[in-house]
C-alpha cells in the first residue's frame, strides 16, 4: 500500500465523469447565453398547460387537436435535435458527429485507395480459403476412394483364397473318394 488516501491526478483517466467524451460536441454558447433553454422551458410549460387542457376535454375533436399538438411537439423536438446534432444543412453552427464536413481531395483519394486495397485483399483471402477448402475436400475424397480400393482388393484376395481352399478341399475329397472306391473294390473282390 502506498499510503495515498487520494490517488494522484495521473491515475484518473481523462474524462472520467468530469466532461463528456471527446466524440460529443460541447455547446458553443456559454451558460449565460442560452436563449434556446429559456424557449424550451416556455415551450414545456405551454405543453403542460395543453396536456392539462386535453385531459379535461374528451371529445373526438379535442382528441384530434391533442394529436395535432403532439405532432407539432414531436416535429419541434426533431428540428431541435437536428439543429443540435448538426444535421440541419442551413445551420451555420452545425457541429457534432453528423455535421457536414468538407474533405480534402487527397484524403478522399487515400481513403478510396485504402478501401480498394482492403477489397482486393479480402477477395484474395476468400479465394485462397475456397481453394484450400476445395483441395482439402478433394484430398478427403481421394483418401476415401483409396480406402475403398484397398477394401475391394482385400475382399478379392479373400475370395481368391477361399476359392483356392475350396478347390483344394474338393480335390482332396475327390482323391480320397477315389482311394476309398479302390479299397472297397479290392475288399469286395
N, C-alpha and C. Protein backbone atom coordinates (compact mmCIF):
# COMPACT_ATOMS: atom_id res chain seq x y z
N UNK A 1 0.85 -1.18 0.00
CA UNK A 1 0.00 0.00 0.00
C UNK A 1 0.89 1.23 0.00
N UNK A 2 0.48 2.25 -0.77
CA UNK A 2 1.32 3.43 -0.95
C UNK A 2 1.08 4.47 0.11
N UNK A 3 -0.03 4.42 0.79
CA UNK A 3 -0.32 5.40 1.81
C UNK A 3 -1.12 6.58 1.30
N UNK A 4 -1.46 6.59 0.00
CA UNK A 4 -2.27 7.69 -0.54
C UNK A 4 -3.72 7.50 -0.16
N UNK A 5 -4.33 8.53 0.31
CA UNK A 5 -5.77 8.46 0.56
C UNK A 5 -6.53 8.89 -0.67
N UNK A 6 -5.91 9.70 -1.49
CA UNK A 6 -6.50 10.16 -2.75
C UNK A 6 -5.48 9.86 -3.85
N UNK A 7 -5.88 9.19 -4.93
CA UNK A 7 -4.92 8.88 -5.98
C UNK A 7 -4.46 10.15 -6.69
N UNK A 8 -3.24 10.13 -7.24
CA UNK A 8 -2.77 11.31 -7.97
C UNK A 8 -3.62 11.54 -9.21
N UNK A 9 -3.56 12.72 -9.78
CA UNK A 9 -4.41 13.06 -10.93
C UNK A 9 -4.06 12.22 -12.14
N UNK A 10 -2.85 11.69 -12.24
CA UNK A 10 -2.48 10.85 -13.38
C UNK A 10 -3.19 9.50 -13.33
N UNK A 11 -3.66 9.07 -12.15
CA UNK A 11 -4.33 7.79 -12.03
C UNK A 11 -5.76 7.83 -12.53
N UNK A 12 -6.31 9.01 -12.67
CA UNK A 12 -7.69 9.14 -13.13
C UNK A 12 -7.66 9.33 -14.64
N UNK A 13 -8.36 8.48 -15.39
CA UNK A 13 -8.35 8.65 -16.84
C UNK A 13 -9.06 9.95 -17.22
N UNK A 14 -8.63 10.55 -18.33
CA UNK A 14 -9.27 11.81 -18.73
C UNK A 14 -10.74 11.59 -19.06
N UNK A 15 -11.57 12.49 -18.62
CA UNK A 15 -12.99 12.44 -18.92
C UNK A 15 -13.77 11.48 -18.06
N UNK A 16 -13.21 11.00 -16.96
CA UNK A 16 -13.92 10.06 -16.10
C UNK A 16 -14.91 10.81 -15.24
N UNK A 17 -16.06 11.10 -15.78
CA UNK A 17 -17.11 11.78 -15.04
C UNK A 17 -16.90 13.27 -14.94
N UNK A 18 -15.85 13.79 -15.54
CA UNK A 18 -15.59 15.22 -15.42
C UNK A 18 -16.10 16.00 -16.63
N UNK A 19 -16.09 15.40 -17.79
CA UNK A 19 -16.53 16.06 -19.01
C UNK A 19 -17.08 15.00 -19.95
N UNK A 20 -17.85 15.40 -20.92
CA UNK A 20 -18.36 14.41 -21.87
C UNK A 20 -17.20 13.83 -22.69
N UNK A 21 -17.38 12.64 -23.24
CA UNK A 21 -16.32 12.05 -24.05
C UNK A 21 -16.02 12.93 -25.27
N UNK A 22 -14.85 12.79 -25.87
CA UNK A 22 -14.45 13.66 -26.98
C UNK A 22 -15.37 13.59 -28.18
N UNK A 23 -16.08 12.47 -28.41
CA UNK A 23 -16.94 12.36 -29.59
C UNK A 23 -18.17 13.26 -29.48
N UNK A 24 -18.53 13.66 -28.27
CA UNK A 24 -19.71 14.51 -28.08
C UNK A 24 -19.27 15.96 -28.17
N UNK A 25 -19.90 16.72 -29.01
CA UNK A 25 -19.53 18.13 -29.17
C UNK A 25 -20.00 18.96 -27.99
N UNK A 26 -19.20 19.87 -27.58
CA UNK A 26 -19.56 20.77 -26.49
C UNK A 26 -20.37 21.94 -27.08
N UNK A 27 -21.33 22.45 -26.36
CA UNK A 27 -22.11 23.58 -26.88
C UNK A 27 -21.22 24.81 -27.05
N UNK A 28 -21.54 25.62 -28.06
CA UNK A 28 -20.73 26.78 -28.37
C UNK A 28 -21.03 27.98 -27.47
N UNK A 29 -22.26 28.06 -26.99
CA UNK A 29 -22.65 29.22 -26.21
C UNK A 29 -22.37 28.97 -24.73
N UNK A 30 -21.88 29.95 -24.01
CA UNK A 30 -21.71 29.78 -22.57
C UNK A 30 -23.07 29.67 -21.88
N UNK A 31 -23.06 29.27 -20.62
CA UNK A 31 -24.29 29.04 -19.86
C UNK A 31 -25.18 30.28 -19.81
N UNK A 32 -24.59 31.46 -19.71
CA UNK A 32 -25.38 32.69 -19.58
C UNK A 32 -26.10 33.03 -20.87
N UNK A 33 -25.58 32.61 -21.99
CA UNK A 33 -26.16 33.00 -23.28
C UNK A 33 -26.86 31.81 -23.94
N UNK A 34 -27.83 31.24 -23.29
CA UNK A 34 -28.56 30.12 -23.84
C UNK A 34 -30.03 30.47 -24.00
N UNK A 35 -30.38 31.14 -25.06
CA UNK A 35 -31.78 31.51 -25.26
C UNK A 35 -32.66 30.31 -25.56
N UNK A 36 -32.10 29.24 -26.18
CA UNK A 36 -32.94 28.10 -26.52
C UNK A 36 -33.41 27.37 -25.27
N UNK A 37 -32.65 27.42 -24.17
CA UNK A 37 -33.11 26.77 -22.94
C UNK A 37 -34.33 27.49 -22.38
N UNK A 38 -34.31 28.82 -22.43
CA UNK A 38 -35.48 29.57 -21.98
C UNK A 38 -36.67 29.27 -22.87
N UNK A 39 -36.42 29.18 -24.18
CA UNK A 39 -37.51 28.85 -25.10
C UNK A 39 -38.04 27.45 -24.80
N UNK A 40 -37.14 26.52 -24.50
CA UNK A 40 -37.56 25.15 -24.17
C UNK A 40 -38.41 25.14 -22.90
N UNK A 41 -38.01 25.91 -21.90
CA UNK A 41 -38.81 25.96 -20.67
C UNK A 41 -40.19 26.52 -20.95
N UNK A 42 -40.25 27.61 -21.74
CA UNK A 42 -41.54 28.20 -22.08
C UNK A 42 -42.37 27.19 -22.86
N UNK A 43 -41.74 26.52 -23.81
CA UNK A 43 -42.44 25.53 -24.63
C UNK A 43 -42.95 24.38 -23.77
N UNK A 44 -42.15 23.92 -22.81
CA UNK A 44 -42.57 22.83 -21.93
C UNK A 44 -43.73 23.25 -21.04
N UNK A 45 -43.71 24.49 -20.58
CA UNK A 45 -44.84 24.98 -19.78
C UNK A 45 -46.12 25.00 -20.63
N UNK A 46 -45.98 25.48 -21.88
CA UNK A 46 -47.15 25.50 -22.77
C UNK A 46 -47.68 24.10 -22.99
N UNK A 47 -46.76 23.16 -23.19
CA UNK A 47 -47.18 21.78 -23.41
C UNK A 47 -47.87 21.22 -22.17
N UNK A 48 -47.38 21.54 -21.01
CA UNK A 48 -48.00 21.07 -19.77
C UNK A 48 -49.42 21.62 -19.66
N UNK A 49 -49.58 22.92 -19.99
CA UNK A 49 -50.91 23.51 -19.97
C UNK A 49 -51.81 22.84 -21.00
N UNK A 50 -51.27 22.58 -22.18
CA UNK A 50 -52.07 21.93 -23.22
C UNK A 50 -52.45 20.52 -22.80
N UNK A 51 -51.53 19.82 -22.12
CA UNK A 51 -51.85 18.48 -21.64
C UNK A 51 -52.95 18.51 -20.59
N UNK A 52 -52.86 19.47 -19.68
CA UNK A 52 -53.90 19.59 -18.66
C UNK A 52 -55.25 19.90 -19.30
N UNK A 53 -55.23 20.77 -20.31
CA UNK A 53 -56.47 21.12 -21.01
C UNK A 53 -57.00 19.91 -21.76
N UNK A 54 -56.11 19.13 -22.38
CA UNK A 54 -56.53 17.96 -23.15
C UNK A 54 -57.16 16.91 -22.24
N UNK A 55 -56.67 16.81 -21.01
CA UNK A 55 -57.23 15.83 -20.09
C UNK A 55 -58.67 16.18 -19.70
N UNK A 56 -59.01 17.47 -19.73
CA UNK A 56 -60.35 17.88 -19.32
C UNK A 56 -61.37 17.60 -20.42
N UNK A 57 -60.97 17.71 -21.66
CA UNK A 57 -61.89 17.53 -22.79
C UNK A 57 -61.63 16.18 -23.45
N UNK A 58 -62.68 15.40 -23.58
CA UNK A 58 -62.50 14.05 -24.12
C UNK A 58 -63.29 13.84 -25.41
N UNK A 59 -63.72 14.85 -26.08
CA UNK A 59 -64.48 14.67 -27.33
C UNK A 59 -63.52 14.31 -28.46
N UNK A 60 -64.05 13.86 -29.57
CA UNK A 60 -63.24 13.47 -30.72
C UNK A 60 -62.47 14.66 -31.26
N UNK A 61 -63.13 15.78 -31.34
CA UNK A 61 -62.46 16.98 -31.86
C UNK A 61 -61.29 17.38 -30.96
N UNK A 62 -61.50 17.26 -29.65
CA UNK A 62 -60.43 17.60 -28.72
C UNK A 62 -59.26 16.61 -28.84
N UNK A 63 -59.61 15.35 -29.02
CA UNK A 63 -58.55 14.37 -29.19
C UNK A 63 -57.77 14.60 -30.48
N UNK A 64 -58.47 15.02 -31.53
CA UNK A 64 -57.78 15.34 -32.78
C UNK A 64 -56.85 16.54 -32.61
N UNK A 65 -57.34 17.55 -31.86
CA UNK A 65 -56.48 18.71 -31.58
C UNK A 65 -55.26 18.28 -30.77
N UNK A 66 -55.49 17.40 -29.80
CA UNK A 66 -54.39 16.92 -28.97
C UNK A 66 -53.37 16.16 -29.83
N UNK A 67 -53.85 15.36 -30.74
CA UNK A 67 -52.95 14.62 -31.63
C UNK A 67 -52.15 15.59 -32.49
N UNK A 68 -52.81 16.65 -32.98
CA UNK A 68 -52.11 17.64 -33.81
C UNK A 68 -51.04 18.36 -32.98
N UNK A 69 -51.36 18.71 -31.75
CA UNK A 69 -50.37 19.36 -30.87
C UNK A 69 -49.19 18.43 -30.61
N UNK A 70 -49.50 17.15 -30.40
CA UNK A 70 -48.43 16.18 -30.16
C UNK A 70 -47.53 16.08 -31.38
N UNK A 71 -48.13 16.06 -32.57
CA UNK A 71 -47.34 16.03 -33.80
C UNK A 71 -46.42 17.25 -33.89
N UNK A 72 -46.98 18.42 -33.53
CA UNK A 72 -46.17 19.64 -33.58
C UNK A 72 -45.01 19.56 -32.59
N UNK A 73 -45.29 19.03 -31.39
CA UNK A 73 -44.23 18.90 -30.39
C UNK A 73 -43.13 17.97 -30.87
N UNK A 74 -43.53 16.84 -31.42
CA UNK A 74 -42.55 15.89 -31.93
C UNK A 74 -41.73 16.53 -33.05
N UNK A 75 -42.41 17.26 -33.93
CA UNK A 75 -41.72 17.93 -35.03
C UNK A 75 -40.73 18.95 -34.48
N UNK A 76 -41.17 19.73 -33.48
CA UNK A 76 -40.26 20.72 -32.88
C UNK A 76 -39.05 20.03 -32.25
N UNK A 77 -39.29 18.93 -31.57
CA UNK A 77 -38.18 18.20 -30.94
C UNK A 77 -37.22 17.66 -31.99
N UNK A 78 -37.77 17.15 -33.08
CA UNK A 78 -36.91 16.62 -34.15
C UNK A 78 -36.08 17.74 -34.76
N UNK A 79 -36.71 18.88 -35.01
CA UNK A 79 -35.97 20.01 -35.58
C UNK A 79 -34.88 20.49 -34.62
N UNK A 80 -35.20 20.50 -33.33
CA UNK A 80 -34.23 20.93 -32.34
C UNK A 80 -33.03 19.96 -32.29
N UNK A 81 -33.33 18.66 -32.32
CA UNK A 81 -32.25 17.68 -32.31
C UNK A 81 -31.40 17.77 -33.57
N UNK A 82 -32.06 17.98 -34.71
CA UNK A 82 -31.30 18.12 -35.96
C UNK A 82 -30.36 19.31 -35.89
N UNK A 83 -30.84 20.39 -35.30
CA UNK A 83 -30.00 21.58 -35.19
C UNK A 83 -28.84 21.33 -34.22
N UNK A 84 -29.12 20.61 -33.11
CA UNK A 84 -28.06 20.35 -32.13
C UNK A 84 -27.01 19.40 -32.67
N UNK A 85 -27.44 18.40 -33.44
CA UNK A 85 -26.50 17.41 -33.97
C UNK A 85 -25.82 17.87 -35.26
N UNK A 86 -26.25 18.98 -35.78
CA UNK A 86 -25.62 19.47 -37.00
C UNK A 86 -26.16 18.81 -38.24
N UNK A 87 -27.35 18.23 -38.17
CA UNK A 87 -27.95 17.60 -39.34
C UNK A 87 -28.67 18.61 -40.22
N UNK A 88 -28.91 19.79 -39.70
CA UNK A 88 -29.60 20.82 -40.44
C UNK A 88 -28.60 21.50 -41.37
N UNK A 89 -28.76 21.36 -42.68
CA UNK A 89 -27.77 21.95 -43.59
C UNK A 89 -27.78 23.48 -43.56
N UNK A 90 -28.86 24.09 -43.09
CA UNK A 90 -28.94 25.54 -43.05
C UNK A 90 -28.26 26.13 -41.82
N UNK A 91 -27.96 25.27 -40.83
CA UNK A 91 -27.37 25.77 -39.59
C UNK A 91 -25.92 26.18 -39.84
N UNK A 92 -25.58 27.41 -39.47
CA UNK A 92 -24.22 27.89 -39.66
C UNK A 92 -23.29 27.32 -38.60
N UNK A 93 -23.84 26.94 -37.48
CA UNK A 93 -23.03 26.44 -36.37
C UNK A 93 -23.06 24.91 -36.29
N UNK A 94 -23.38 24.24 -37.40
CA UNK A 94 -23.52 22.79 -37.40
C UNK A 94 -22.23 22.14 -36.91
N UNK A 95 -22.38 21.27 -35.94
CA UNK A 95 -21.24 20.57 -35.38
C UNK A 95 -21.70 19.20 -34.89
N UNK A 96 -20.77 18.40 -34.49
CA UNK A 96 -21.12 17.08 -33.97
C UNK A 96 -20.72 16.00 -34.95
N UNK A 97 -21.08 14.76 -34.61
CA UNK A 97 -20.64 13.64 -35.44
C UNK A 97 -21.30 13.58 -36.81
N UNK A 98 -22.45 14.25 -36.98
CA UNK A 98 -23.16 14.18 -38.24
C UNK A 98 -23.07 15.48 -39.02
N UNK A 99 -22.23 16.38 -38.61
CA UNK A 99 -22.12 17.67 -39.27
C UNK A 99 -21.52 17.49 -40.66
N UNK A 100 -21.95 18.32 -41.61
CA UNK A 100 -21.36 18.22 -42.94
C UNK A 100 -19.90 18.64 -42.88
N UNK A 101 -19.04 17.84 -43.50
CA UNK A 101 -17.61 18.10 -43.44
C UNK A 101 -17.08 18.11 -44.87
N UNK A 102 -16.24 19.08 -45.16
CA UNK A 102 -15.57 19.10 -46.45
C UNK A 102 -14.24 18.40 -46.28
N UNK A 103 -14.01 17.44 -47.15
CA UNK A 103 -12.79 16.66 -47.07
C UNK A 103 -11.83 17.08 -48.18
N UNK A 104 -10.56 17.02 -47.87
CA UNK A 104 -9.53 17.35 -48.85
C UNK A 104 -9.52 16.26 -49.92
N UNK A 105 -9.35 16.61 -51.19
CA UNK A 105 -9.35 15.58 -52.24
C UNK A 105 -8.29 14.50 -52.05
N UNK A 106 -7.14 14.87 -51.49
CA UNK A 106 -6.10 13.88 -51.25
C UNK A 106 -6.56 12.86 -50.19
N UNK A 107 -7.27 13.34 -49.18
CA UNK A 107 -7.80 12.45 -48.15
C UNK A 107 -8.80 11.47 -48.76
N UNK A 108 -9.65 11.99 -49.64
CA UNK A 108 -10.64 11.13 -50.30
C UNK A 108 -9.93 10.10 -51.17
N UNK A 109 -8.89 10.52 -51.90
CA UNK A 109 -8.16 9.59 -52.77
C UNK A 109 -7.48 8.50 -51.94
N UNK A 110 -6.88 8.87 -50.83
CA UNK A 110 -6.21 7.88 -49.97
C UNK A 110 -7.23 6.92 -49.37
N UNK A 111 -8.37 7.45 -48.95
CA UNK A 111 -9.42 6.58 -48.39
C UNK A 111 -9.94 5.61 -49.45
N UNK A 112 -10.10 6.11 -50.69
CA UNK A 112 -10.57 5.24 -51.77
C UNK A 112 -9.54 4.17 -52.08
N UNK A 113 -8.26 4.54 -52.09
CA UNK A 113 -7.21 3.55 -52.34
C UNK A 113 -7.18 2.52 -51.22
N UNK A 114 -7.35 2.95 -49.99
CA UNK A 114 -7.38 2.02 -48.87
C UNK A 114 -8.56 1.06 -48.96
N UNK A 115 -9.72 1.59 -49.32
CA UNK A 115 -10.90 0.73 -49.45
C UNK A 115 -10.71 -0.27 -50.58
N UNK A 116 -10.11 0.18 -51.69
CA UNK A 116 -9.86 -0.72 -52.82
C UNK A 116 -8.88 -1.81 -52.43
N UNK A 117 -7.82 -1.43 -51.73
CA UNK A 117 -6.83 -2.40 -51.28
C UNK A 117 -7.47 -3.42 -50.34
N UNK A 118 -8.29 -2.93 -49.43
CA UNK A 118 -8.96 -3.84 -48.50
C UNK A 118 -9.87 -4.81 -49.25
N UNK A 119 -10.56 -4.32 -50.27
CA UNK A 119 -11.44 -5.18 -51.06
C UNK A 119 -10.64 -6.23 -51.82
N UNK A 120 -9.52 -5.82 -52.43
CA UNK A 120 -8.69 -6.77 -53.19
C UNK A 120 -8.11 -7.83 -52.26
N UNK A 121 -7.61 -7.41 -51.12
CA UNK A 121 -7.05 -8.38 -50.16
C UNK A 121 -8.15 -9.32 -49.66
N UNK A 122 -9.32 -8.77 -49.39
CA UNK A 122 -10.43 -9.61 -48.93
C UNK A 122 -10.82 -10.65 -49.96
N UNK A 123 -10.90 -10.25 -51.22
CA UNK A 123 -11.25 -11.20 -52.29
C UNK A 123 -10.16 -12.26 -52.42
N UNK A 124 -8.89 -11.84 -52.33
CA UNK A 124 -7.78 -12.79 -52.43
C UNK A 124 -7.83 -13.81 -51.29
N UNK A 125 -8.06 -13.35 -50.09
CA UNK A 125 -8.14 -14.25 -48.94
C UNK A 125 -9.31 -15.21 -49.10
N UNK A 126 -10.44 -14.68 -49.56
CA UNK A 126 -11.63 -15.51 -49.76
C UNK A 126 -11.35 -16.60 -50.79
N UNK A 127 -10.72 -16.24 -51.91
CA UNK A 127 -10.42 -17.23 -52.95
C UNK A 127 -9.42 -18.27 -52.45
N UNK A 128 -8.39 -17.82 -51.73
CA UNK A 128 -7.42 -18.77 -51.19
C UNK A 128 -8.08 -19.75 -50.24
N UNK A 129 -8.99 -19.24 -49.43
CA UNK A 129 -9.68 -20.12 -48.49
C UNK A 129 -10.54 -21.14 -49.24
N UNK A 130 -11.22 -20.66 -50.30
CA UNK A 130 -12.05 -21.58 -51.09
C UNK A 130 -11.19 -22.64 -51.75
N UNK A 131 -10.02 -22.20 -52.30
CA UNK A 131 -9.14 -23.17 -52.96
C UNK A 131 -8.61 -24.18 -51.96
N UNK A 132 -8.19 -23.72 -50.80
CA UNK A 132 -7.64 -24.65 -49.82
C UNK A 132 -8.73 -25.60 -49.30
N UNK A 133 -9.93 -25.09 -49.11
CA UNK A 133 -11.00 -25.98 -48.65
C UNK A 133 -11.37 -26.97 -49.75
N UNK A 134 -11.30 -26.52 -51.03
CA UNK A 134 -11.59 -27.44 -52.13
C UNK A 134 -10.50 -28.50 -52.21
N UNK A 135 -9.24 -28.11 -52.03
CA UNK A 135 -8.14 -29.07 -52.05
C UNK A 135 -8.29 -30.06 -50.89
N UNK A 136 -8.70 -29.59 -49.74
CA UNK A 136 -8.90 -30.47 -48.60
C UNK A 136 -10.04 -31.45 -48.87
N UNK A 137 -11.12 -30.95 -49.47
CA UNK A 137 -12.23 -31.85 -49.83
C UNK A 137 -11.78 -32.89 -50.83
N UNK A 138 -11.00 -32.45 -51.86
CA UNK A 138 -10.53 -33.39 -52.87
C UNK A 138 -9.61 -34.44 -52.25
N UNK A 139 -8.73 -34.01 -51.33
CA UNK A 139 -7.84 -34.95 -50.66
C UNK A 139 -8.64 -35.94 -49.82
N UNK A 140 -9.67 -35.47 -49.16
CA UNK A 140 -10.51 -36.36 -48.36
C UNK A 140 -11.23 -37.36 -49.26
N UNK A 141 -11.75 -36.90 -50.40
CA UNK A 141 -12.42 -37.82 -51.33
C UNK A 141 -11.44 -38.86 -51.86
N UNK A 142 -10.23 -38.40 -52.19
CA UNK A 142 -9.22 -39.33 -52.70
C UNK A 142 -8.86 -40.37 -51.64
N UNK A 143 -8.75 -39.93 -50.37
CA UNK A 143 -8.44 -40.87 -49.29
C UNK A 143 -9.56 -41.89 -49.13
N UNK A 144 -10.81 -41.45 -49.26
CA UNK A 144 -11.94 -42.37 -49.16
C UNK A 144 -11.91 -43.36 -50.32
N UNK A 145 -11.60 -42.86 -51.52
CA UNK A 145 -11.52 -43.75 -52.68
C UNK A 145 -10.40 -44.77 -52.52
N UNK A 146 -9.25 -44.32 -52.01
CA UNK A 146 -8.12 -45.24 -51.81
C UNK A 146 -8.49 -46.31 -50.78
N UNK A 147 -9.16 -45.89 -49.71
CA UNK A 147 -9.59 -46.85 -48.70
C UNK A 147 -10.55 -47.88 -49.31
N UNK A 148 -11.47 -47.39 -50.14
CA UNK A 148 -12.43 -48.29 -50.79
C UNK A 148 -11.72 -49.26 -51.74
N UNK A 149 -10.71 -48.75 -52.47
CA UNK A 149 -9.94 -49.64 -53.37
C UNK A 149 -9.20 -50.71 -52.58
N UNK A 150 -8.61 -50.33 -51.42
CA UNK A 150 -7.93 -51.32 -50.58
C UNK A 150 -8.91 -52.38 -50.08
N UNK A 151 -10.09 -51.95 -49.67
CA UNK A 151 -11.10 -52.90 -49.19
C UNK A 151 -11.51 -53.87 -50.29
N UNK A 152 -11.72 -53.32 -51.51
CA UNK A 152 -12.10 -54.18 -52.63
C UNK A 152 -11.00 -55.19 -52.94
N UNK A 153 -9.73 -54.71 -52.92
CA UNK A 153 -8.62 -55.62 -53.19
C UNK A 153 -8.53 -56.70 -52.12
N UNK A 154 -8.75 -56.33 -50.86
CA UNK A 154 -8.71 -57.29 -49.77
C UNK A 154 -9.83 -58.32 -49.93
N UNK A 155 -11.02 -57.86 -50.29
CA UNK A 155 -12.15 -58.80 -50.50
C UNK A 155 -11.86 -59.74 -51.67
N UNK A 156 -11.29 -59.19 -52.74
CA UNK A 156 -10.99 -60.01 -53.91
C UNK A 156 -9.95 -61.08 -53.55
N UNK A 157 -8.91 -60.66 -52.81
CA UNK A 157 -7.89 -61.62 -52.40
C UNK A 157 -8.49 -62.68 -51.48
N UNK A 158 -9.37 -62.27 -50.59
CA UNK A 158 -10.01 -63.24 -49.69
C UNK A 158 -10.86 -64.22 -50.48
N UNK A 159 -11.59 -63.73 -51.50
CA UNK A 159 -12.40 -64.62 -52.34
C UNK A 159 -11.51 -65.62 -53.09
N UNK A 160 -10.35 -65.10 -53.58
CA UNK A 160 -9.43 -66.00 -54.29
C UNK A 160 -8.89 -67.08 -53.35
N UNK A 161 -8.51 -66.67 -52.13
CA UNK A 161 -8.01 -67.65 -51.16
C UNK A 161 -9.10 -68.67 -50.81
N UNK A 162 -10.34 -68.15 -50.65
CA UNK A 162 -11.45 -69.04 -50.32
C UNK A 162 -11.70 -70.02 -51.47
N UNK A 163 -11.63 -69.53 -52.69
CA UNK A 163 -11.83 -70.41 -53.85
C UNK A 163 -10.70 -71.44 -53.93
N UNK A 164 -9.46 -70.99 -53.68
CA UNK A 164 -8.33 -71.94 -53.72
C UNK A 164 -8.48 -72.99 -52.63
N UNK A 165 -8.89 -72.56 -51.43
CA UNK A 165 -9.06 -73.52 -50.33
C UNK A 165 -10.19 -74.50 -50.66
N UNK A 166 -11.26 -73.98 -51.24
CA UNK A 166 -12.39 -74.82 -51.60
C UNK A 166 -11.96 -75.85 -52.67
N UNK A 167 -11.20 -75.35 -53.62
CA UNK A 167 -10.73 -76.23 -54.69
C UNK A 167 -9.81 -77.31 -54.11
N UNK A 168 -8.92 -76.89 -53.20
CA UNK A 168 -8.01 -77.86 -52.58
C UNK A 168 -8.80 -78.90 -51.80
N UNK A 169 -9.79 -78.47 -51.04
CA UNK A 169 -10.61 -79.43 -50.29
C UNK A 169 -11.40 -80.33 -51.23
N UNK A 170 -11.92 -79.73 -52.29
CA UNK A 170 -12.67 -80.55 -53.26
C UNK A 170 -11.77 -81.57 -53.91
N UNK A 171 -10.58 -81.16 -54.30
CA UNK A 171 -9.64 -82.09 -54.93
C UNK A 171 -9.26 -83.19 -53.95
N UNK A 172 -9.02 -82.82 -52.72
CA UNK A 172 -8.65 -83.80 -51.71
C UNK A 172 -9.81 -84.77 -51.48
N UNK A 173 -11.02 -84.27 -51.46
CA UNK A 173 -12.18 -85.14 -51.25
C UNK A 173 -12.34 -86.11 -52.43
N UNK A 174 -12.10 -85.62 -53.62
CA UNK A 174 -12.22 -86.48 -54.81
C UNK A 174 -11.13 -87.56 -54.75
N UNK A 175 -9.91 -87.13 -54.36
CA UNK A 175 -8.82 -88.10 -54.29
C UNK A 175 -9.12 -89.15 -53.22
N UNK A 176 -9.60 -88.74 -52.08
CA UNK A 176 -9.92 -89.68 -51.01
C UNK A 176 -11.05 -90.59 -51.45
N UNK A 177 -12.03 -90.06 -52.14
CA UNK A 177 -13.16 -90.85 -52.58
C UNK A 177 -12.70 -91.91 -53.60
N UNK A 178 -11.77 -91.52 -54.49
CA UNK A 178 -11.25 -92.49 -55.47
C UNK A 178 -10.51 -93.60 -54.75
N UNK A 179 -9.71 -93.25 -53.74
CA UNK A 179 -8.98 -94.26 -52.99
C UNK A 179 -9.93 -95.19 -52.24
N UNK A 180 -10.99 -94.56 -51.70
CA UNK A 180 -11.96 -95.37 -50.98
C UNK A 180 -12.63 -96.35 -51.93
N UNK A 181 -12.95 -95.89 -53.11
CA UNK A 181 -13.61 -96.77 -54.08
C UNK A 181 -12.69 -97.93 -54.45
N UNK A 182 -11.39 -97.59 -54.65
CA UNK A 182 -10.42 -98.63 -54.99
C UNK A 182 -10.31 -99.65 -53.87
N UNK A 183 -10.23 -99.14 -52.65
CA UNK A 183 -10.13 -100.02 -51.48
C UNK A 183 -11.37 -100.88 -51.35
N UNK A 184 -12.52 -100.34 -51.60
CA UNK A 184 -13.76 -101.11 -51.49
C UNK A 184 -13.80 -102.18 -52.57
N UNK A 185 -13.32 -101.86 -53.75
CA UNK A 185 -13.33 -102.84 -54.84
C UNK A 185 -12.39 -104.01 -54.50
N UNK A 186 -11.24 -103.66 -53.97
CA UNK A 186 -10.29 -104.71 -53.60
C UNK A 186 -10.89 -105.60 -52.53
N UNK A 187 -11.56 -104.94 -51.59
CA UNK A 187 -12.10 -105.71 -50.47
C UNK A 187 -13.25 -106.63 -50.96
N UNK A 188 -14.04 -106.12 -51.80
CA UNK A 188 -15.18 -106.91 -52.25
C UNK A 188 -14.80 -107.94 -53.30
N UNK A 189 -13.74 -107.82 -53.98
CA UNK A 189 -13.34 -108.80 -54.99
C UNK A 189 -12.43 -109.78 -54.43
